[in-house]
């Protein structure tokens, strides 16, 4: 039996990258997967998961659209009778130094990376409370712990998530709902592939294990926090960064 057998998991930003790797690993472990993403690639991802024998579906929506989230969550609960796991993985970047960053670029990142996490969690938690069970997993970042040049907006959201899961852990623990975060380091994704090679090499040189992480490294951390093995882990941020201080 898989570690997530019979569980229903919503994964935001699950069309590609870390989210896709998470969907595949969760499916392998027996979960029914619902991908929430704006990207059309979600259709193909869900189909490829089904081709592997997993239960998977894709709902194309924005995590900034509360009515769409509410309708989608209601539909899932009516059809499956449960929502057990929420992985708040979706996120964007609009990198610029403070002097160059526009108000619009600030708000774009805050709206998706922070308010979007609140929107999804606020929408899903009542269904978890009803069944007295839930696992909330949010994506922070090493930069939310140490800061990073040119990422005022992104760092603000990732630092805030650390505080949010601590708060939710205190509020929701009595309902058998845990809330935790994972703080990835430098992970090989489509996003990091766009970074100039020289900058990438400099960053890797500063990682004690001397390599970038893979999406599966983060997905495996999500799996642990979603599993029964982590039932007493609550309000924690798990760093998966190759040893970056």
Protein backbone atom coordinates (compact mmCIF):
# COMPACT_ATOMS: atom_id res chain seq x y z
CA UNK A 1 0.00 0.00 0.00
CA UNK A 2 1.28 3.49 -0.87
CA UNK A 3 2.05 6.11 1.73
CA UNK A 4 -0.85 8.28 0.49
CA UNK A 5 -3.29 5.51 -0.37
CA UNK A 6 -6.90 6.77 -0.76
CA UNK A 7 -5.91 10.39 -0.08
CA UNK A 8 -7.10 13.27 -2.29
CA UNK A 9 -4.41 15.87 -2.97
CA UNK A 10 -4.65 19.29 -4.60
CA UNK A 11 -1.34 20.54 -6.00
CA UNK A 12 -1.18 24.15 -7.18
CA UNK A 13 1.27 24.91 -9.95
CA UNK A 14 1.31 21.20 -10.74
CA UNK A 15 1.62 21.47 -14.52
CA UNK A 16 5.41 21.47 -14.59
CA UNK A 17 8.58 21.63 -12.53
CA UNK A 18 8.39 20.84 -8.83
CA UNK A 19 4.60 20.65 -8.94
CA UNK A 20 4.63 18.07 -11.70
CA UNK A 21 7.25 15.97 -9.90
CA UNK A 22 5.07 16.14 -6.79
CA UNK A 23 2.00 15.01 -8.70
CA UNK A 24 3.87 12.03 -10.08
CA UNK A 25 5.32 10.95 -6.72
CA UNK A 26 1.99 11.43 -4.93
CA UNK A 27 0.26 9.41 -7.64
CA UNK A 28 2.82 6.64 -7.26
CA UNK A 29 2.08 6.58 -3.54
CA UNK A 30 -1.66 6.11 -4.10
CA UNK A 31 -3.10 9.62 -3.93
CA UNK A 32 -5.78 10.94 -6.24
CA UNK A 33 -4.28 14.06 -7.83
CA UNK A 34 -5.98 17.32 -8.73
CA UNK A 35 -3.73 19.86 -10.42
CA UNK A 36 -4.64 23.54 -10.15
CA UNK A 37 -2.71 25.65 -12.63
CA UNK A 38 -3.18 28.36 -15.24
CA UNK A 39 -0.92 26.67 -17.78
CA UNK A 40 -2.40 24.62 -20.62
CA UNK A 41 0.42 22.13 -19.98
CA UNK A 42 -1.66 20.87 -17.07
CA UNK A 43 -3.86 18.94 -19.50
CA UNK A 44 -0.87 16.97 -20.79
CA UNK A 45 0.55 16.43 -17.31
CA UNK A 46 -2.72 14.99 -16.04
CA UNK A 47 -3.04 12.75 -19.09
CA UNK A 48 0.50 11.45 -18.68
CA UNK A 49 -0.24 10.66 -15.04
CA UNK A 50 -3.36 8.77 -16.06
CA UNK A 51 -1.32 6.88 -18.66
CA UNK A 52 0.85 5.65 -15.78
CA UNK A 53 -2.25 4.33 -14.05
CA UNK A 54 -2.73 7.16 -11.57
CA UNK A 55 -5.97 8.99 -10.81
CA UNK A 56 -5.35 12.55 -11.94
CA UNK A 57 -7.24 15.55 -13.26
CA UNK A 58 -6.50 19.13 -14.20
CA UNK A 59 -8.50 22.24 -13.34
CA UNK A 60 -7.33 25.36 -15.14
CA UNK A 61 -7.70 28.32 -12.81
CA UNK A 62 -5.86 31.15 -11.10
CA UNK A 63 -5.22 31.01 -7.37
CA UNK A 64 -6.03 34.72 -7.28
CA UNK A 65 -9.62 33.99 -8.39
CA UNK A 66 -11.49 33.19 -5.17
CA UNK A 67 -14.89 32.35 -6.74
CA UNK A 68 -13.17 29.90 -9.12
CA UNK A 69 -11.29 28.30 -6.22
CA UNK A 70 -14.47 27.95 -4.19
CA UNK A 71 -16.35 26.36 -7.09
CA UNK A 72 -13.48 23.96 -7.82
CA UNK A 73 -13.11 22.91 -4.17
CA UNK A 74 -16.87 22.35 -3.84
CA UNK A 75 -16.85 20.20 -6.98
CA UNK A 76 -13.92 18.11 -5.75
CA UNK A 77 -15.49 17.52 -2.35
CA UNK A 78 -18.86 16.59 -3.83
CA UNK A 79 -17.25 14.03 -6.14
CA UNK A 80 -14.58 12.56 -3.85
CA UNK A 81 -16.08 13.21 -0.41
CA UNK A 82 -12.73 14.40 0.94
CA UNK A 83 -9.81 16.76 0.43
CA UNK A 84 -6.86 15.53 2.47
CA UNK A 85 -3.76 17.31 1.20
CA UNK A 86 -3.12 20.80 -0.14
CA UNK A 87 0.28 21.58 -1.62
CA UNK A 88 0.60 25.34 -2.13
CA UNK A 89 3.33 25.17 -4.76
CA UNK A 90 2.34 27.80 -7.37
CA UNK A 91 4.50 30.89 -7.59
CA UNK A 92 5.97 33.56 -9.85
CA UNK A 93 8.96 35.90 -9.89
CA UNK A 94 9.34 39.50 -11.02
CA UNK A 95 12.95 40.12 -10.03
CA UNK A 96 14.40 43.63 -9.80
CA UNK A 97 16.31 45.62 -7.22
CA UNK A 98 14.24 47.83 -4.94
CA UNK A 99 15.17 50.99 -6.84
CA UNK A 100 13.98 49.47 -10.13
CA UNK A 101 10.99 47.42 -8.96
CA UNK A 102 7.60 48.86 -9.88
CA UNK A 103 4.58 48.88 -7.60
CA UNK A 104 2.88 46.60 -10.11
CA UNK A 105 5.73 44.05 -9.95
CA UNK A 106 5.51 44.10 -6.16
CA UNK A 107 1.77 43.46 -6.17
CA UNK A 108 1.91 40.76 -8.86
CA UNK A 109 4.20 38.58 -6.76
CA UNK A 110 2.38 39.29 -3.49
CA UNK A 111 -0.97 38.48 -5.10
CA UNK A 112 0.15 35.05 -6.35
CA UNK A 113 2.82 33.87 -3.93
CA UNK A 114 1.26 35.09 -0.69
CA UNK A 115 -2.40 36.00 -1.15
CA UNK A 116 -2.81 33.02 -3.48
CA UNK A 117 -1.57 30.69 -0.73
CA UNK A 118 -4.03 32.28 1.70
CA UNK A 119 -6.85 31.98 -0.85
CA UNK A 120 -6.28 28.27 -1.45
CA UNK A 121 -5.84 27.41 2.21
CA UNK A 122 -8.83 29.47 3.34
CA UNK A 123 -10.94 27.73 0.67
CA UNK A 124 -9.82 24.17 1.46
CA UNK A 125 -9.53 24.16 5.25
CA UNK A 126 -13.30 23.99 5.99
CA UNK A 127 -13.45 20.67 4.10
CA UNK A 128 -10.52 19.38 6.16
CA UNK A 129 -12.16 20.53 9.39
CA UNK A 130 -15.35 18.71 8.44
CA UNK A 131 -13.44 15.43 8.21
CA UNK A 132 -11.04 16.22 11.08
CA UNK A 133 -7.97 15.61 8.95
CA UNK A 134 -5.65 17.57 6.72
CA UNK A 135 -2.12 18.21 5.56
CA UNK A 136 -1.25 21.75 4.40
CA UNK A 137 2.16 22.08 2.75
CA UNK A 138 3.47 25.42 1.50
CA UNK A 139 6.49 26.33 -0.58
CA UNK A 140 8.84 28.79 1.05
CA UNK A 141 12.46 29.24 -0.11
CA UNK A 142 15.97 29.54 1.19
CA UNK A 143 15.79 33.21 0.17
CA UNK A 144 12.91 33.64 2.58
CA UNK A 145 15.37 32.69 5.32
CA UNK A 146 18.47 34.58 4.20
CA UNK A 147 17.27 37.25 1.72
CA UNK A 148 18.44 37.75 -1.85
CA UNK A 149 19.51 40.67 -3.98
CA UNK A 150 16.83 41.77 -6.46
CA UNK A 151 13.98 39.82 -4.87
CA UNK A 152 12.29 42.09 -2.35
CA UNK A 153 8.84 40.95 -3.47
CA UNK A 154 9.64 37.23 -3.73
CA UNK A 155 11.58 37.12 -0.46
CA UNK A 156 8.75 38.90 1.36
CA UNK A 157 6.28 36.23 0.29
CA UNK A 158 8.55 33.31 1.14
CA UNK A 159 9.41 34.71 4.57
CA UNK A 160 5.73 35.35 5.27
CA UNK A 161 4.85 31.74 4.46
CA UNK A 162 7.13 30.56 7.26
CA UNK A 163 5.12 32.68 9.69
CA UNK A 164 1.79 31.62 8.23
CA UNK A 165 2.38 27.89 8.68
CA UNK A 166 3.42 28.48 12.30
CA UNK A 167 0.16 30.32 12.87
CA UNK A 168 -1.97 27.74 11.08
CA UNK A 169 -0.26 24.98 13.07
CA UNK A 170 -1.48 26.63 16.28
CA UNK A 171 -4.98 27.30 14.95
CA UNK A 172 -5.70 24.03 13.14
CA UNK A 173 -3.85 21.38 15.12
CA UNK A 174 -6.96 20.67 17.23
CA UNK A 175 -8.70 19.51 14.03
CA UNK A 176 -5.91 17.03 13.24
CA UNK A 177 -4.68 19.37 10.49
CA UNK A 178 -0.97 20.08 10.22
CA UNK A 179 0.64 22.98 8.39
CA UNK A 180 4.27 22.92 7.30
CA UNK A 181 6.54 24.46 4.70
CA UNK A 182 9.46 23.35 2.56
CA UNK A 183 12.22 25.83 1.79
CA UNK A 184 13.94 24.75 -1.43
CA UNK A 185 17.39 25.91 -2.36
CA UNK A 186 18.67 26.17 -5.94
CA UNK A 187 16.58 23.68 -7.91
CA UNK A 188 16.92 22.79 -11.59
CA UNK A 189 13.67 23.91 -13.22
CA UNK A 190 12.56 25.80 -16.32
CA UNK A 191 12.87 28.97 -14.24
CA UNK A 192 16.49 28.41 -13.21
CA UNK A 193 17.40 27.27 -16.72
CA UNK A 194 16.85 30.89 -17.81
CA UNK A 195 19.56 32.17 -15.47
CA UNK A 196 22.81 33.05 -17.30
CA UNK A 197 25.31 30.20 -17.10
CA UNK A 198 27.95 32.31 -15.37
CA UNK A 199 25.52 33.29 -12.60
CA UNK A 200 24.35 29.68 -12.30
CA UNK A 201 27.92 28.43 -11.92
CA UNK A 202 28.67 31.02 -9.24
CA UNK A 203 25.59 29.99 -7.30
CA UNK A 204 26.40 26.27 -7.51
CA UNK A 205 29.94 26.98 -6.30
CA UNK A 206 28.44 28.31 -3.05
CA UNK A 207 26.40 25.16 -2.37
CA UNK A 208 28.23 22.71 -0.07
CA UNK A 209 27.15 19.67 -2.13
CA UNK A 210 28.29 21.49 -5.33
CA UNK A 211 25.18 20.80 -7.42
CA UNK A 212 21.65 22.00 -7.98
CA UNK A 213 18.76 20.10 -6.51
CA UNK A 214 16.16 18.31 -8.63
CA UNK A 215 12.37 18.79 -8.51
CA UNK A 216 12.11 15.28 -7.07
CA UNK A 217 14.18 16.37 -4.05
CA UNK A 218 11.46 18.84 -3.11
CA UNK A 219 8.63 16.50 -4.06
CA UNK A 220 10.02 13.86 -1.70
CA UNK A 221 10.01 16.42 1.12
CA UNK A 222 6.37 17.20 0.33
CA UNK A 223 5.64 13.47 0.38
CA UNK A 224 7.12 13.10 3.85
CA UNK A 225 5.10 16.00 5.23
CA UNK A 226 1.92 14.66 3.62
CA UNK A 227 2.42 11.14 4.96
CA UNK A 228 1.47 9.59 8.30
CA UNK A 229 5.17 9.54 9.14
CA UNK A 230 5.00 13.29 9.70
CA UNK A 231 1.79 13.31 11.74
CA UNK A 232 3.58 14.98 14.68
CA UNK A 233 5.45 17.53 12.53
CA UNK A 234 3.55 20.81 12.66
CA UNK A 235 4.52 24.44 12.07
CA UNK A 236 7.91 23.41 10.71
CA UNK A 237 9.90 24.66 7.72
CA UNK A 238 12.02 21.90 6.19
CA UNK A 239 15.09 23.22 4.38
CA UNK A 240 16.10 21.26 1.29
CA UNK A 241 19.02 23.25 -0.05
CA UNK A 242 22.21 21.18 -0.17
CA UNK A 243 23.56 22.80 3.00
CA UNK A 244 23.31 26.50 2.14
CA UNK A 245 23.51 28.46 5.40
